[in-house]
Amino acid sequence: MARRKKHTAEQVVNLLRQIEVAVANGKTTTLACKESAITEQTYYRWRREYGGLQVDQARRLKELEQENAKLKRLVSELSLEKLVLKDIASGWPHTLSHSKSALSSSRSEFGGILPTQP
């Protein structure tokens, strides 16, 4: 299996322009894609994503996509932390004696595989 080549946004926009010029000069899309060393499917996917963008706009689009992914990860991590803190603040387990009894009942439920208390 051939290893995939990563193209930068600038390279993609330039390849799309080259293919469009070749098609305007009478070549078929298939032949123009083959000369650019990409598949026709890749060409149409890139055209859908980058069609009509300038090089600097494509670069900015990629930067924004990366920033968006980073922010989504941060939001999910913070949401998880918030849920944990909310559980702790709600008083679960309510008392130490309650937690000891819950732990011993859990031990019996799981056949004694939970560790014993020190």
N, C-alpha and C. Protein backbone atom coordinates (compact mmCIF):
# COMPACT_ATOMS: atom_id res chain seq x y z
N MET A 1 0.84 -1.17 0.00
CA MET A 1 0.00 0.00 0.00
C MET A 1 0.89 1.24 0.00
N ALA A 2 0.60 2.16 -0.87
CA ALA A 2 1.41 3.37 -1.00
C ALA A 2 1.15 4.31 0.17
N ARG A 3 2.19 4.98 0.57
CA ARG A 3 2.08 5.92 1.67
C ARG A 3 1.46 7.21 1.18
N ARG A 4 0.54 7.77 1.97
CA ARG A 4 -0.16 8.99 1.58
C ARG A 4 0.75 10.19 1.72
N LYS A 5 0.64 11.10 0.79
CA LYS A 5 1.42 12.33 0.82
C LYS A 5 0.55 13.43 1.39
N LYS A 6 1.07 14.15 2.35
CA LYS A 6 0.34 15.28 2.93
C LYS A 6 0.65 16.53 2.13
N HIS A 7 -0.38 17.18 1.67
CA HIS A 7 -0.22 18.43 0.94
C HIS A 7 -0.63 19.58 1.84
N THR A 8 0.09 20.68 1.76
CA THR A 8 -0.31 21.88 2.49
C THR A 8 -1.46 22.54 1.75
N ALA A 9 -2.13 23.44 2.42
CA ALA A 9 -3.25 24.14 1.80
C ALA A 9 -2.79 24.90 0.56
N GLU A 10 -1.60 25.48 0.62
CA GLU A 10 -1.07 26.22 -0.52
C GLU A 10 -0.83 25.29 -1.71
N GLN A 11 -0.27 24.11 -1.44
CA GLN A 11 -0.02 23.15 -2.50
C GLN A 11 -1.33 22.70 -3.15
N VAL A 12 -2.35 22.48 -2.31
CA VAL A 12 -3.65 22.04 -2.83
C VAL A 12 -4.23 23.09 -3.77
N VAL A 13 -4.22 24.35 -3.34
CA VAL A 13 -4.77 25.43 -4.17
C VAL A 13 -4.00 25.53 -5.48
N ASN A 14 -2.68 25.42 -5.41
CA ASN A 14 -1.87 25.49 -6.64
C ASN A 14 -2.16 24.31 -7.57
N LEU A 15 -2.31 23.10 -7.02
CA LEU A 15 -2.64 21.95 -7.85
C LEU A 15 -4.01 22.11 -8.49
N LEU A 16 -4.96 22.61 -7.75
CA LEU A 16 -6.30 22.84 -8.32
C LEU A 16 -6.24 23.82 -9.48
N ARG A 17 -5.45 24.86 -9.32
CA ARG A 17 -5.29 25.84 -10.42
C ARG A 17 -4.65 25.19 -11.64
N GLN A 18 -3.60 24.39 -11.42
CA GLN A 18 -2.93 23.72 -12.53
C GLN A 18 -3.90 22.82 -13.29
N ILE A 19 -4.72 22.07 -12.55
CA ILE A 19 -5.67 21.16 -13.19
C ILE A 19 -6.73 21.95 -13.95
N GLU A 20 -7.20 23.06 -13.37
CA GLU A 20 -8.19 23.88 -14.06
C GLU A 20 -7.63 24.46 -15.35
N VAL A 21 -6.38 24.87 -15.34
CA VAL A 21 -5.74 25.40 -16.55
C VAL A 21 -5.62 24.29 -17.59
N ALA A 22 -5.21 23.10 -17.16
CA ALA A 22 -5.06 21.99 -18.10
C ALA A 22 -6.41 21.61 -18.72
N VAL A 23 -7.46 21.62 -17.92
CA VAL A 23 -8.79 21.29 -18.43
C VAL A 23 -9.26 22.38 -19.40
N ALA A 24 -8.96 23.63 -19.09
CA ALA A 24 -9.33 24.74 -19.99
C ALA A 24 -8.58 24.64 -21.32
N ASN A 25 -7.40 24.04 -21.30
CA ASN A 25 -6.62 23.88 -22.53
C ASN A 25 -6.98 22.62 -23.30
N GLY A 26 -8.03 21.92 -22.87
CA GLY A 26 -8.53 20.79 -23.64
C GLY A 26 -8.23 19.41 -23.09
N LYS A 27 -7.49 19.30 -22.00
CA LYS A 27 -7.22 17.98 -21.42
C LYS A 27 -8.44 17.52 -20.64
N THR A 28 -8.54 16.23 -20.47
CA THR A 28 -9.62 15.71 -19.63
C THR A 28 -9.22 15.85 -18.17
N THR A 29 -10.22 15.85 -17.32
CA THR A 29 -9.95 15.96 -15.88
C THR A 29 -9.12 14.79 -15.40
N THR A 30 -9.43 13.60 -15.90
CA THR A 30 -8.69 12.40 -15.51
C THR A 30 -7.22 12.52 -15.86
N LEU A 31 -6.91 12.97 -17.08
CA LEU A 31 -5.53 13.11 -17.53
C LEU A 31 -4.81 14.20 -16.73
N ALA A 32 -5.48 15.31 -16.49
CA ALA A 32 -4.87 16.40 -15.73
C ALA A 32 -4.56 15.97 -14.30
N CYS A 33 -5.46 15.20 -13.70
CA CYS A 33 -5.22 14.70 -12.34
C CYS A 33 -4.05 13.73 -12.32
N LYS A 34 -3.99 12.86 -13.33
CA LYS A 34 -2.90 11.88 -13.40
C LYS A 34 -1.56 12.59 -13.53
N GLU A 35 -1.51 13.66 -14.34
CA GLU A 35 -0.26 14.42 -14.49
C GLU A 35 0.13 15.12 -13.20
N SER A 36 -0.85 15.47 -12.38
CA SER A 36 -0.57 16.12 -11.10
C SER A 36 -0.34 15.12 -9.98
N ALA A 37 -0.41 13.84 -10.30
CA ALA A 37 -0.15 12.74 -9.36
C ALA A 37 -1.16 12.69 -8.22
N ILE A 38 -2.42 12.97 -8.54
CA ILE A 38 -3.50 12.80 -7.57
C ILE A 38 -4.64 12.05 -8.26
N THR A 39 -5.50 11.47 -7.45
CA THR A 39 -6.65 10.77 -8.03
C THR A 39 -7.75 11.77 -8.34
N GLU A 40 -8.65 11.35 -9.19
CA GLU A 40 -9.76 12.21 -9.56
C GLU A 40 -10.65 12.48 -8.33
N GLN A 41 -10.80 11.46 -7.51
CA GLN A 41 -11.61 11.60 -6.29
C GLN A 41 -11.01 12.67 -5.38
N THR A 42 -9.69 12.67 -5.24
CA THR A 42 -9.02 13.68 -4.43
C THR A 42 -9.24 15.07 -5.01
N TYR A 43 -9.16 15.17 -6.33
CA TYR A 43 -9.39 16.46 -6.99
C TYR A 43 -10.77 17.02 -6.65
N TYR A 44 -11.79 16.18 -6.78
CA TYR A 44 -13.15 16.67 -6.52
C TYR A 44 -13.37 16.99 -5.04
N ARG A 45 -12.74 16.20 -4.16
CA ARG A 45 -12.84 16.49 -2.72
C ARG A 45 -12.16 17.82 -2.41
N TRP A 46 -10.97 18.04 -2.95
CA TRP A 46 -10.26 19.30 -2.73
C TRP A 46 -11.03 20.47 -3.34
N ARG A 47 -11.59 20.25 -4.52
CA ARG A 47 -12.33 21.33 -5.18
C ARG A 47 -13.53 21.74 -4.34
N ARG A 48 -14.19 20.75 -3.73
CA ARG A 48 -15.33 21.05 -2.87
C ARG A 48 -14.88 21.84 -1.63
N GLU A 49 -13.72 21.47 -1.07
CA GLU A 49 -13.24 22.11 0.15
C GLU A 49 -12.54 23.45 -0.12
N TYR A 50 -11.72 23.52 -1.16
CA TYR A 50 -10.89 24.70 -1.40
C TYR A 50 -11.31 25.50 -2.62
N GLY A 51 -12.33 25.07 -3.32
CA GLY A 51 -12.71 25.72 -4.57
C GLY A 51 -12.91 27.22 -4.42
N GLY A 52 -12.24 28.01 -5.23
CA GLY A 52 -12.40 29.45 -5.21
C GLY A 52 -11.57 30.18 -4.16
N LEU A 53 -10.81 29.46 -3.36
CA LEU A 53 -10.00 30.12 -2.34
C LEU A 53 -8.65 30.54 -2.90
N GLN A 54 -8.14 31.63 -2.38
CA GLN A 54 -6.78 32.04 -2.69
C GLN A 54 -5.84 31.30 -1.73
N VAL A 55 -4.55 31.34 -1.99
CA VAL A 55 -3.58 30.63 -1.18
C VAL A 55 -3.63 31.09 0.28
N ASP A 56 -3.67 32.39 0.52
CA ASP A 56 -3.68 32.90 1.90
C ASP A 56 -4.98 32.54 2.60
N GLN A 57 -6.09 32.49 1.86
CA GLN A 57 -7.37 32.10 2.45
C GLN A 57 -7.35 30.62 2.84
N ALA A 58 -6.75 29.79 2.01
CA ALA A 58 -6.66 28.36 2.30
C ALA A 58 -5.79 28.13 3.53
N ARG A 59 -4.69 28.87 3.64
CA ARG A 59 -3.82 28.76 4.80
C ARG A 59 -4.58 29.13 6.07
N ARG A 60 -5.34 30.23 6.00
CA ARG A 60 -6.12 30.69 7.15
C ARG A 60 -7.21 29.67 7.52
N LEU A 61 -7.82 29.04 6.51
CA LEU A 61 -8.83 28.02 6.76
C LEU A 61 -8.24 26.87 7.56
N LYS A 62 -7.09 26.39 7.18
CA LYS A 62 -6.44 25.29 7.89
C LYS A 62 -6.08 25.69 9.32
N GLU A 63 -5.58 26.91 9.50
CA GLU A 63 -5.26 27.39 10.85
C GLU A 63 -6.51 27.42 11.72
N LEU A 64 -7.61 27.90 11.16
CA LEU A 64 -8.86 27.97 11.92
C LEU A 64 -9.39 26.57 12.26
N GLU A 65 -9.24 25.63 11.34
CA GLU A 65 -9.68 24.26 11.62
C GLU A 65 -8.87 23.65 12.75
N GLN A 66 -7.56 23.89 12.76
CA GLN A 66 -6.72 23.37 13.83
C GLN A 66 -7.07 24.02 15.17
N GLU A 67 -7.29 25.34 15.16
CA GLU A 67 -7.66 26.04 16.38
C GLU A 67 -9.01 25.55 16.90
N ASN A 68 -9.94 25.32 15.99
CA ASN A 68 -11.26 24.83 16.37
C ASN A 68 -11.17 23.45 17.04
N ALA A 69 -10.35 22.57 16.49
CA ALA A 69 -10.17 21.24 17.08
C ALA A 69 -9.57 21.35 18.47
N LYS A 70 -8.61 22.23 18.63
CA LYS A 70 -7.98 22.43 19.94
C LYS A 70 -8.99 22.95 20.96
N LEU A 71 -9.80 23.90 20.55
CA LEU A 71 -10.81 24.46 21.45
C LEU A 71 -11.87 23.42 21.83
N LYS A 72 -12.24 22.57 20.89
CA LYS A 72 -13.21 21.51 21.18
C LYS A 72 -12.65 20.55 22.24
N ARG A 73 -11.36 20.20 22.12
CA ARG A 73 -10.74 19.33 23.12
C ARG A 73 -10.75 20.01 24.49
N LEU A 74 -10.41 21.30 24.53
CA LEU A 74 -10.40 22.02 25.79
C LEU A 74 -11.78 22.06 26.42
N VAL A 75 -12.80 22.32 25.63
CA VAL A 75 -14.17 22.37 26.16
C VAL A 75 -14.57 21.02 26.73
N SER A 76 -14.24 19.95 26.03
CA SER A 76 -14.62 18.63 26.54
C SER A 76 -13.88 18.30 27.84
N GLU A 77 -12.61 18.66 27.93
CA GLU A 77 -11.85 18.42 29.16
C GLU A 77 -12.42 19.23 30.31
N LEU A 78 -12.73 20.50 30.05
CA LEU A 78 -13.28 21.35 31.10
C LEU A 78 -14.68 20.89 31.53
N SER A 79 -15.46 20.41 30.60
CA SER A 79 -16.79 19.89 30.93
C SER A 79 -16.68 18.67 31.83
N LEU A 80 -15.72 17.80 31.53
CA LEU A 80 -15.51 16.63 32.35
C LEU A 80 -15.07 17.03 33.76
N GLU A 81 -14.13 17.97 33.85
CA GLU A 81 -13.68 18.45 35.17
C GLU A 81 -14.85 19.06 35.95
N LYS A 82 -15.70 19.79 35.27
CA LYS A 82 -16.85 20.41 35.91
C LYS A 82 -17.78 19.34 36.49
N LEU A 83 -18.02 18.28 35.72
CA LEU A 83 -18.88 17.20 36.21
C LEU A 83 -18.30 16.53 37.45
N VAL A 84 -16.99 16.30 37.43
CA VAL A 84 -16.33 15.67 38.57
C VAL A 84 -16.44 16.58 39.80
N LEU A 85 -16.17 17.87 39.62
CA LEU A 85 -16.27 18.80 40.75
C LEU A 85 -17.70 18.91 41.25
N LYS A 86 -18.66 18.83 40.35
CA LYS A 86 -20.06 18.89 40.75
C LYS A 86 -20.42 17.68 41.60
N ASP A 87 -19.93 16.50 41.21
CA ASP A 87 -20.17 15.30 42.01
C ASP A 87 -19.55 15.42 43.39
N ILE A 88 -18.34 15.95 43.45
CA ILE A 88 -17.66 16.11 44.73
C ILE A 88 -18.40 17.11 45.60
N ALA A 89 -18.83 18.23 45.01
CA ALA A 89 -19.52 19.28 45.76
C ALA A 89 -20.89 18.83 46.25
N SER A 90 -21.51 17.88 45.55
CA SER A 90 -22.83 17.43 45.96
C SER A 90 -22.76 16.55 47.19
N GLY A 91 -21.57 16.23 47.64
CA GLY A 91 -21.40 15.48 48.87
C GLY A 91 -21.37 13.99 48.66
N TRP A 92 -21.05 13.54 47.45
CA TRP A 92 -20.96 12.11 47.23
C TRP A 92 -19.56 11.63 47.47
N PRO A 93 -19.26 10.70 48.27
CA PRO A 93 -20.14 10.07 49.25
C PRO A 93 -20.42 11.03 50.40
N HIS A 94 -21.63 10.98 50.93
CA HIS A 94 -22.09 11.97 51.89
C HIS A 94 -21.25 12.00 53.17
N THR A 95 -20.93 10.87 53.69
CA THR A 95 -20.12 10.82 54.91
C THR A 95 -19.08 9.74 54.77
N LEU A 96 -18.12 9.78 55.65
CA LEU A 96 -17.07 8.77 55.62
C LEU A 96 -17.64 7.40 55.94
N SER A 97 -18.57 7.34 56.91
CA SER A 97 -19.16 6.05 57.26
C SER A 97 -19.96 5.50 56.09
N HIS A 98 -20.63 6.39 55.36
CA HIS A 98 -21.40 5.96 54.19
C HIS A 98 -20.46 5.37 53.14
N SER A 99 -19.30 6.01 52.94
CA SER A 99 -18.37 5.51 51.93
C SER A 99 -17.77 4.18 52.35
N LYS A 100 -17.53 3.99 53.66
CA LYS A 100 -17.00 2.71 54.12
C LYS A 100 -18.01 1.59 53.88
N SER A 101 -19.29 1.88 54.17
CA SER A 101 -20.29 0.84 53.95
C SER A 101 -20.49 0.58 52.46
N ALA A 102 -20.41 1.61 51.65
CA ALA A 102 -20.54 1.44 50.21
C ALA A 102 -19.38 0.62 49.67
N LEU A 103 -18.17 0.87 50.19
CA LEU A 103 -17.00 0.13 49.74
C LEU A 103 -17.11 -1.33 50.12
N SER A 104 -17.55 -1.62 51.35
CA SER A 104 -17.66 -3.02 51.75
C SER A 104 -18.76 -3.73 50.98
N SER A 105 -19.87 -3.04 50.66
CA SER A 105 -20.91 -3.69 49.85
C SER A 105 -20.42 -3.91 48.42
N SER A 106 -19.61 -2.98 47.91
CA SER A 106 -19.05 -3.14 46.57
C SER A 106 -18.11 -4.33 46.53
N ARG A 107 -17.34 -4.51 47.62
CA ARG A 107 -16.43 -5.65 47.68
C ARG A 107 -17.20 -6.96 47.59
N SER A 108 -18.32 -7.02 48.30
CA SER A 108 -19.08 -8.26 48.28
C SER A 108 -19.75 -8.45 46.91
N GLU A 109 -20.16 -7.37 46.26
CA GLU A 109 -20.76 -7.47 44.94
C GLU A 109 -19.78 -7.99 43.91
N PHE A 110 -18.54 -7.58 44.01
CA PHE A 110 -17.55 -7.96 43.02
C PHE A 110 -16.70 -9.15 43.46
N GLY A 111 -17.19 -9.90 44.41
CA GLY A 111 -16.51 -11.13 44.80
C GLY A 111 -15.20 -10.89 45.50
N GLY A 112 -15.06 -9.78 46.19
CA GLY A 112 -13.85 -9.53 46.96
C GLY A 112 -12.66 -9.11 46.14
N ILE A 113 -12.87 -8.67 44.89
CA ILE A 113 -11.71 -8.29 44.07
C ILE A 113 -11.26 -6.85 44.33
N LEU A 114 -12.09 -6.07 45.05
CA LEU A 114 -11.67 -4.72 45.40
C LEU A 114 -10.73 -4.79 46.60
N PRO A 115 -9.76 -3.87 46.65
CA PRO A 115 -8.80 -3.90 47.76
C PRO A 115 -9.46 -3.60 49.09
N THR A 116 -8.89 -4.14 50.15
CA THR A 116 -9.41 -3.87 51.49
C THR A 116 -8.90 -2.52 51.96
N GLN A 117 -9.57 -1.98 52.97
CA GLN A 117 -9.17 -0.69 53.52
C GLN A 117 -7.95 -0.86 54.40
N PRO A 118 -7.09 0.15 54.47
CA PRO A 118 -5.89 0.04 55.33
C PRO A 118 -6.25 0.08 56.79
